[in-house]
Amino acid sequence: MLFKNRNPEDQYLEQAIRGERAGLEYLVNTYRDMAYSIAIRVTGNHEDAEEVVQDGFLKAFKNLAEFKRASKFSTWLYRIIYNTALSKASSGKNFTMELQEDNQYQQYIEPNAVMQQMAGADRRKYLNMAMQKLKAQDQLILSLHYIAEKSITEITEILGMKSSAIKMRLFRSRKQLLEELQRLLPNEFKDL
């Protein structure tokens, strides 16, 4: 069944449903980074995370014709990735989190960009250190909300939790993250 194109992604979804390479490539290229971020947070291991992403995309593509579009494709896909990662992590491995630098947009470096990159790397380092102190579920919720820009409703659908629980965890984890950053960088917070 063809749908009216409400946004450019719909065209790629239709191509992917038909098995066309362009549509499949678009979906993989668009969503693989956040899919990997979800997988690494749950599995705690790069090899398992890569396997989860591959398995998750295969499951999604196999069932793409059944995608009802009641939610965004990304929400549906991330739910598949999350469930696949939970299955993989059921062996009881520790959770971890790393914020990945997105080099895709750094093709052209301006004269002052080296200093900005160093400052950005420093921020990521301390943010990663502070995030490591949070529970894995809270790391994932923060990442989905702030990095993937998912709404509370979408996170609820991805993780299968109540919206009140998501809101409370967001509130609590933001507060804890701030406290951890204050412990790591006490002099910087004095200047604010």
C-alpha atoms as a PDB file:
ATOM      1  CA  MET A   1       0.000   0.000   0.000  1.00  0.00           C
ATOM      2  CA  LEU A   2       1.401   3.396  -0.993  1.00  0.00           C
ATOM      3  CA  PHE A   3       1.052   6.355   1.336  1.00  0.00           C
ATOM      4  CA  LYS A   4       1.075  10.022   0.493  1.00  0.00           C
ATOM      5  CA  ASN A   5       4.550  11.393   1.047  1.00  0.00           C
ATOM      6  CA  ARG A   6       4.263  13.501   4.168  1.00  0.00           C
ATOM      7  CA  ASN A   7       8.010  13.828   4.409  1.00  0.00           C
ATOM      8  CA  PRO A   8      10.985  12.760   2.294  1.00  0.00           C
ATOM      9  CA  GLU A   9      11.555   9.665   4.425  1.00  0.00           C
ATOM     10  CA  ASP A  10       8.255   8.172   3.252  1.00  0.00           C
ATOM     11  CA  GLN A  11       9.667   7.800  -0.259  1.00  0.00           C
ATOM     12  CA  TYR A  12      12.665   5.882   1.087  1.00  0.00           C
ATOM     13  CA  LEU A  13      10.401   3.716   3.231  1.00  0.00           C
ATOM     14  CA  GLU A  14       8.351   2.798   0.184  1.00  0.00           C
ATOM     15  CA  GLN A  15      11.547   1.957  -1.707  1.00  0.00           C
ATOM     16  CA  ALA A  16      12.775  -0.164   1.205  1.00  0.00           C
ATOM     17  CA  ILE A  17       9.448  -2.018   1.403  1.00  0.00           C
ATOM     18  CA  ARG A  18       9.896  -2.874  -2.270  1.00  0.00           C
ATOM     19  CA  GLY A  19      13.432  -4.052  -1.488  1.00  0.00           C
ATOM     20  CA  GLU A  20      15.102  -1.263  -3.458  1.00  0.00           C
ATOM     21  CA  ARG A  21      18.693  -0.646  -2.481  1.00  0.00           C
ATOM     22  CA  ALA A  22      18.404   3.161  -2.314  1.00  0.00           C
ATOM     23  CA  GLY A  23      15.673   2.981   0.320  1.00  0.00           C
ATOM     24  CA  LEU A  24      17.477   0.380   2.406  1.00  0.00           C
ATOM     25  CA  GLU A  25      20.763   2.302   2.260  1.00  0.00           C
ATOM     26  CA  TYR A  26      19.050   5.527   3.269  1.00  0.00           C
ATOM     27  CA  LEU A  27      17.497   3.895   6.342  1.00  0.00           C
ATOM     28  CA  VAL A  28      20.765   2.260   7.396  1.00  0.00           C
ATOM     29  CA  ASN A  29      22.813   5.433   6.866  1.00  0.00           C
ATOM     30  CA  THR A  30      20.266   7.589   8.683  1.00  0.00           C
ATOM     31  CA  TYR A  31      19.706   5.415  11.753  1.00  0.00           C
ATOM     32  CA  ARG A  32      22.784   3.250  12.265  1.00  0.00           C
ATOM     33  CA  ASP A  33      24.625   5.651  14.598  1.00  0.00           C
ATOM     34  CA  MET A  34      21.814   5.948  17.139  1.00  0.00           C
ATOM     35  CA  ALA A  35      21.043   2.228  16.740  1.00  0.00           C
ATOM     36  CA  TYR A  36      24.661   1.534  17.652  1.00  0.00           C
ATOM     37  CA  SER A  37      24.475   3.959  20.594  1.00  0.00           C
ATOM     38  CA  ILE A  38      21.457   2.109  21.955  1.00  0.00           C
ATOM     39  CA  ALA A  39      23.108  -1.273  21.432  1.00  0.00           C
ATOM     40  CA  ILE A  40      26.415  -0.312  23.067  1.00  0.00           C
ATOM     41  CA  ARG A  41      24.632   1.102  26.122  1.00  0.00           C
ATOM     42  CA  VAL A  42      22.750  -2.153  26.623  1.00  0.00           C
ATOM     43  CA  THR A  43      25.405  -4.710  25.659  1.00  0.00           C
ATOM     44  CA  GLY A  44      28.479  -2.851  26.920  1.00  0.00           C
ATOM     45  CA  ASN A  45      30.651  -4.375  24.232  1.00  0.00           C
ATOM     46  CA  HIS A  46      31.483  -3.180  20.713  1.00  0.00           C
ATOM     47  CA  GLU A  47      31.332  -6.605  19.061  1.00  0.00           C
ATOM     48  CA  ASP A  48      27.947  -7.412  20.562  1.00  0.00           C
ATOM     49  CA  ALA A  49      26.645  -3.935  19.737  1.00  0.00           C
ATOM     50  CA  GLU A  50      27.656  -4.307  16.085  1.00  0.00           C
ATOM     51  CA  GLU A  51      25.963  -7.701  15.964  1.00  0.00           C
ATOM     52  CA  VAL A  52      22.828  -6.268  17.586  1.00  0.00           C
ATOM     53  CA  VAL A  53      22.668  -3.449  15.031  1.00  0.00           C
ATOM     54  CA  GLN A  54      23.050  -5.866  12.136  1.00  0.00           C
ATOM     55  CA  ASP A  55      20.461  -8.275  13.556  1.00  0.00           C
ATOM     56  CA  GLY A  56      18.110  -5.408  14.398  1.00  0.00           C
ATOM     57  CA  PHE A  57      18.217  -3.960  10.896  1.00  0.00           C
ATOM     58  CA  LEU A  58      17.681  -7.415   9.397  1.00  0.00           C
ATOM     59  CA  LYS A  59      14.631  -7.953  11.642  1.00  0.00           C
ATOM     60  CA  ALA A  60      13.287  -4.524  10.743  1.00  0.00           C
ATOM     61  CA  PHE A  61      13.775  -5.023   7.010  1.00  0.00           C
ATOM     62  CA  LYS A  62      12.224  -8.485   7.148  1.00  0.00           C
ATOM     63  CA  ASN A  63       9.128  -7.013   8.842  1.00  0.00           C
ATOM     64  CA  LEU A  64       9.061  -3.654   7.056  1.00  0.00           C
ATOM     65  CA  ALA A  65       5.858  -4.480   5.186  1.00  0.00           C
ATOM     66  CA  GLU A  66       4.113  -4.846   8.572  1.00  0.00           C
ATOM     67  CA  PHE A  67       5.286  -1.410   9.773  1.00  0.00           C
ATOM     68  CA  LYS A  68       1.963   0.359  10.409  1.00  0.00           C
ATOM     69  CA  ARG A  69       3.334   3.891  10.672  1.00  0.00           C
ATOM     70  CA  ALA A  70       1.491   4.426  13.929  1.00  0.00           C
ATOM     71  CA  SER A  71       4.829   5.812  15.113  1.00  0.00           C
ATOM     72  CA  LYS A  72       7.923   7.153  13.412  1.00  0.00           C
ATOM     73  CA  PHE A  73      10.115   4.619  11.658  1.00  0.00           C
ATOM     74  CA  SER A  74      13.010   5.546  13.941  1.00  0.00           C
ATOM     75  CA  THR A  75      10.922   4.813  17.038  1.00  0.00           C
ATOM     76  CA  TRP A  76       9.886   1.433  15.640  1.00  0.00           C
ATOM     77  CA  LEU A  77      13.466   0.588  14.634  1.00  0.00           C
ATOM     78  CA  TYR A  78      14.962   1.684  17.964  1.00  0.00           C
ATOM     79  CA  ARG A  79      12.433  -0.529  19.783  1.00  0.00           C
ATOM     80  CA  ILE A  80      13.653  -3.494  17.690  1.00  0.00           C
ATOM     81  CA  ILE A  81      17.291  -2.587  18.395  1.00  0.00           C
ATOM     82  CA  TYR A  82      16.593  -2.196  22.106  1.00  0.00           C
ATOM     83  CA  ASN A  83      14.823  -5.557  22.371  1.00  0.00           C
ATOM     84  CA  THR A  84      17.554  -7.270  20.347  1.00  0.00           C
ATOM     85  CA  ALA A  85      20.195  -5.736  22.610  1.00  0.00           C
ATOM     86  CA  LEU A  86      18.323  -6.831  25.737  1.00  0.00           C
ATOM     87  CA  SER A  87      18.264 -10.382  24.397  1.00  0.00           C
ATOM     88  CA  LYS A  88      21.979 -10.216  23.663  1.00  0.00           C
ATOM     89  CA  ALA A  89      22.797  -8.703  27.061  1.00  0.00           C
ATOM     90  CA  SER A  90      20.761 -11.236  29.017  1.00  0.00           C
ATOM     91  CA  SER A  91      24.041 -12.931  29.887  1.00  0.00           C
ATOM     92  CA  GLY A  92      24.457 -10.259  32.606  1.00  0.00           C
ATOM     93  CA  LYS A  93      27.210  -8.104  31.121  1.00  0.00           C
ATOM     94  CA  ASN A  94      27.865  -4.616  32.502  1.00  0.00           C
ATOM     95  CA  PHE A  95      26.413  -1.584  30.748  1.00  0.00           C
ATOM     96  CA  THR A  96      28.568   1.267  29.470  1.00  0.00           C
ATOM     97  CA  MET A  97      28.128   4.460  27.544  1.00  0.00           C
ATOM     98  CA  GLU A  98      30.285   6.478  25.217  1.00  0.00           C
ATOM     99  CA  LEU A  99      29.298   9.627  23.384  1.00  0.00           C
ATOM    100  CA  GLN A 100      30.554   9.233  19.863  1.00  0.00           C
ATOM    101  CA  GLU A 101      31.943  12.182  17.964  1.00  0.00           C
ATOM    102  CA  ASP A 102      30.084  12.785  14.714  1.00  0.00           C
ATOM    103  CA  ASN A 103      32.808  13.432  12.134  1.00  0.00           C
ATOM    104  CA  GLN A 104      30.328  13.444   9.280  1.00  0.00           C
ATOM    105  CA  TYR A 105      29.937  17.231   9.454  1.00  0.00           C
ATOM    106  CA  GLN A 106      33.577  18.078  10.071  1.00  0.00           C
ATOM    107  CA  GLN A 107      34.770  17.882   6.477  1.00  0.00           C
ATOM    108  CA  TYR A 108      35.953  21.479   6.317  1.00  0.00           C
ATOM    109  CA  ILE A 109      38.081  22.791   9.159  1.00  0.00           C
ATOM    110  CA  GLU A 110      38.176  26.520   9.832  1.00  0.00           C
ATOM    111  CA  PRO A 111      41.284  28.202  11.330  1.00  0.00           C
ATOM    112  CA  ASN A 112      39.909  28.261  14.902  1.00  0.00           C
ATOM    113  CA  ALA A 113      38.349  24.819  14.566  1.00  0.00           C
ATOM    114  CA  VAL A 114      41.321  23.018  16.125  1.00  0.00           C
ATOM    115  CA  MET A 115      40.740  24.809  19.443  1.00  0.00           C
ATOM    116  CA  GLN A 116      37.012  24.195  19.183  1.00  0.00           C
ATOM    117  CA  GLN A 117      37.614  20.501  18.508  1.00  0.00           C
ATOM    118  CA  MET A 118      39.898  20.268  21.541  1.00  0.00           C
ATOM    119  CA  ALA A 119      37.294  21.980  23.713  1.00  0.00           C
ATOM    120  CA  GLY A 120      34.614  19.675  22.313  1.00  0.00           C
ATOM    121  CA  ALA A 121      36.744  16.616  23.037  1.00  0.00           C
ATOM    122  CA  ASP A 122      37.282  17.877  26.589  1.00  0.00           C
ATOM    123  CA  ARG A 123      33.521  18.344  27.081  1.00  0.00           C
ATOM    124  CA  ARG A 124      32.804  14.846  25.739  1.00  0.00           C
ATOM    125  CA  LYS A 125      35.468  13.372  28.033  1.00  0.00           C
ATOM    126  CA  TYR A 126      33.945  14.876  31.174  1.00  0.00           C
ATOM    127  CA  LEU A 127      30.405  14.202  30.043  1.00  0.00           C
ATOM    128  CA  ASN A 128      31.312  10.547  29.417  1.00  0.00           C
ATOM    129  CA  MET A 129      32.909  10.325  32.854  1.00  0.00           C
ATOM    130  CA  ALA A 130      29.810  11.790  34.494  1.00  0.00           C
ATOM    131  CA  MET A 131      27.446   9.633  32.437  1.00  0.00           C
ATOM    132  CA  GLN A 132      29.300   6.494  33.535  1.00  0.00           C
ATOM    133  CA  LYS A 133      28.088   7.208  37.072  1.00  0.00           C
ATOM    134  CA  LEU A 134      24.440   6.945  35.986  1.00  0.00           C
ATOM    135  CA  LYS A 135      22.444   3.742  35.716  1.00  0.00           C
ATOM    136  CA  ALA A 136      22.507   2.242  32.214  1.00  0.00           C
ATOM    137  CA  GLN A 137      18.763   2.794  31.745  1.00  0.00           C
ATOM    138  CA  ASP A 138      19.167   6.465  32.672  1.00  0.00           C
ATOM    139  CA  GLN A 139      22.069   6.838  30.235  1.00  0.00           C
ATOM    140  CA  LEU A 140      19.882   5.395  27.506  1.00  0.00           C
ATOM    141  CA  ILE A 141      16.925   7.628  28.316  1.00  0.00           C
ATOM    142  CA  LEU A 142      19.129  10.747  28.321  1.00  0.00           C
ATOM    143  CA  SER A 143      20.673   9.714  25.002  1.00  0.00           C
ATOM    144  CA  LEU A 144      17.324   9.036  23.361  1.00  0.00           C
ATOM    145  CA  HIS A 145      15.920  12.344  24.596  1.00  0.00           C
ATOM    146  CA  TYR A 146      18.870  14.671  24.007  1.00  0.00           C
ATOM    147  CA  ILE A 147      20.909  13.016  21.272  1.00  0.00           C
ATOM    148  CA  ALA A 148      18.211  11.245  19.242  1.00  0.00           C
ATOM    149  CA  GLU A 149      15.744  14.036  20.110  1.00  0.00           C
ATOM    150  CA  LYS A 150      12.970  11.591  20.934  1.00  0.00           C
ATOM    151  CA  SER A 151       9.876  12.768  22.784  1.00  0.00           C
ATOM    152  CA  ILE A 152       8.713  11.237  26.055  1.00  0.00           C
ATOM    153  CA  THR A 153       6.005   9.394  24.114  1.00  0.00           C
ATOM    154  CA  GLU A 154       8.533   7.948  21.678  1.00  0.00           C
ATOM    155  CA  ILE A 155      10.887   6.874  24.468  1.00  0.00           C
ATOM    156  CA  THR A 156       7.927   5.240  26.209  1.00  0.00           C
ATOM    157  CA  GLU A 157       7.240   3.258  23.050  1.00  0.00           C
ATOM    158  CA  ILE A 158      10.887   2.299  22.503  1.00  0.00           C
ATOM    159  CA  LEU A 159      11.562   1.176  26.066  1.00  0.00           C
ATOM    160  CA  GLY A 160       8.101  -0.081  26.969  1.00  0.00           C
ATOM    161  CA  MET A 161       7.941   2.060  30.105  1.00  0.00           C
ATOM    162  CA  LYS A 162       5.252   4.420  31.403  1.00  0.00           C
ATOM    163  CA  SER A 163       5.668   8.083  30.548  1.00  0.00           C
ATOM    164  CA  SER A 164       5.652   9.035  34.229  1.00  0.00           C
ATOM    165  CA  ALA A 165       8.633   6.727  34.789  1.00  0.00           C
ATOM    166  CA  ILE A 166      10.472   8.251  31.825  1.00  0.00           C
ATOM    167  CA  LYS A 167       9.816  11.786  33.085  1.00  0.00           C
ATOM    168  CA  MET A 168      10.967  10.925  36.586  1.00  0.00           C
ATOM    169  CA  ARG A 169      14.130   9.205  35.318  1.00  0.00           C
ATOM    170  CA  LEU A 170      14.909  12.164  33.046  1.00  0.00           C
ATOM    171  CA  PHE A 171      14.505  14.594  35.935  1.00  0.00           C
ATOM    172  CA  ARG A 172      16.537  12.470  38.337  1.00  0.00           C
ATOM    173  CA  SER A 173      19.295  11.619  35.852  1.00  0.00           C
ATOM    174  CA  ARG A 174      19.729  15.260  34.744  1.00  0.00           C
ATOM    175  CA  LYS A 175      20.134  16.224  38.385  1.00  0.00           C
ATOM    176  CA  GLN A 176      22.599  13.401  39.018  1.00  0.00           C
ATOM    177  CA  LEU A 177      24.531  14.258  35.854  1.00  0.00           C
ATOM    178  CA  LEU A 178      24.866  17.867  37.011  1.00  0.00           C
ATOM    179  CA  GLU A 179      26.071  16.712  40.425  1.00  0.00           C
ATOM    180  CA  GLU A 180      28.659  14.417  38.832  1.00  0.00           C
ATOM    181  CA  LEU A 181      29.888  17.218  36.570  1.00  0.00           C
ATOM    182  CA  GLN A 182      30.177  19.502  39.609  1.00  0.00           C
ATOM    183  CA  ARG A 183      32.306  16.863  41.350  1.00  0.00           C
ATOM    184  CA  LEU A 184      34.510  16.438  38.271  1.00  0.00           C
ATOM    185  CA  LEU A 185      34.831  20.155  37.526  1.00  0.00           C
ATOM    186  CA  PRO A 186      34.412  22.031  40.831  1.00  0.00           C
ATOM    187  CA  ASN A 187      36.422  25.099  39.737  1.00  0.00           C
ATOM    188  CA  GLU A 188      34.465  25.538  36.518  1.00  0.00           C
ATOM    189  CA  PHE A 189      31.160  25.526  38.416  1.00  0.00           C
ATOM    190  CA  LYS A 190      32.421  28.148  40.876  1.00  0.00           C
ATOM    191  CA  ASP A 191      32.844  30.540  37.930  1.00  0.00           C
ATOM    192  CA  LEU A 192      29.242  30.134  36.769  1.00  0.00           C
END
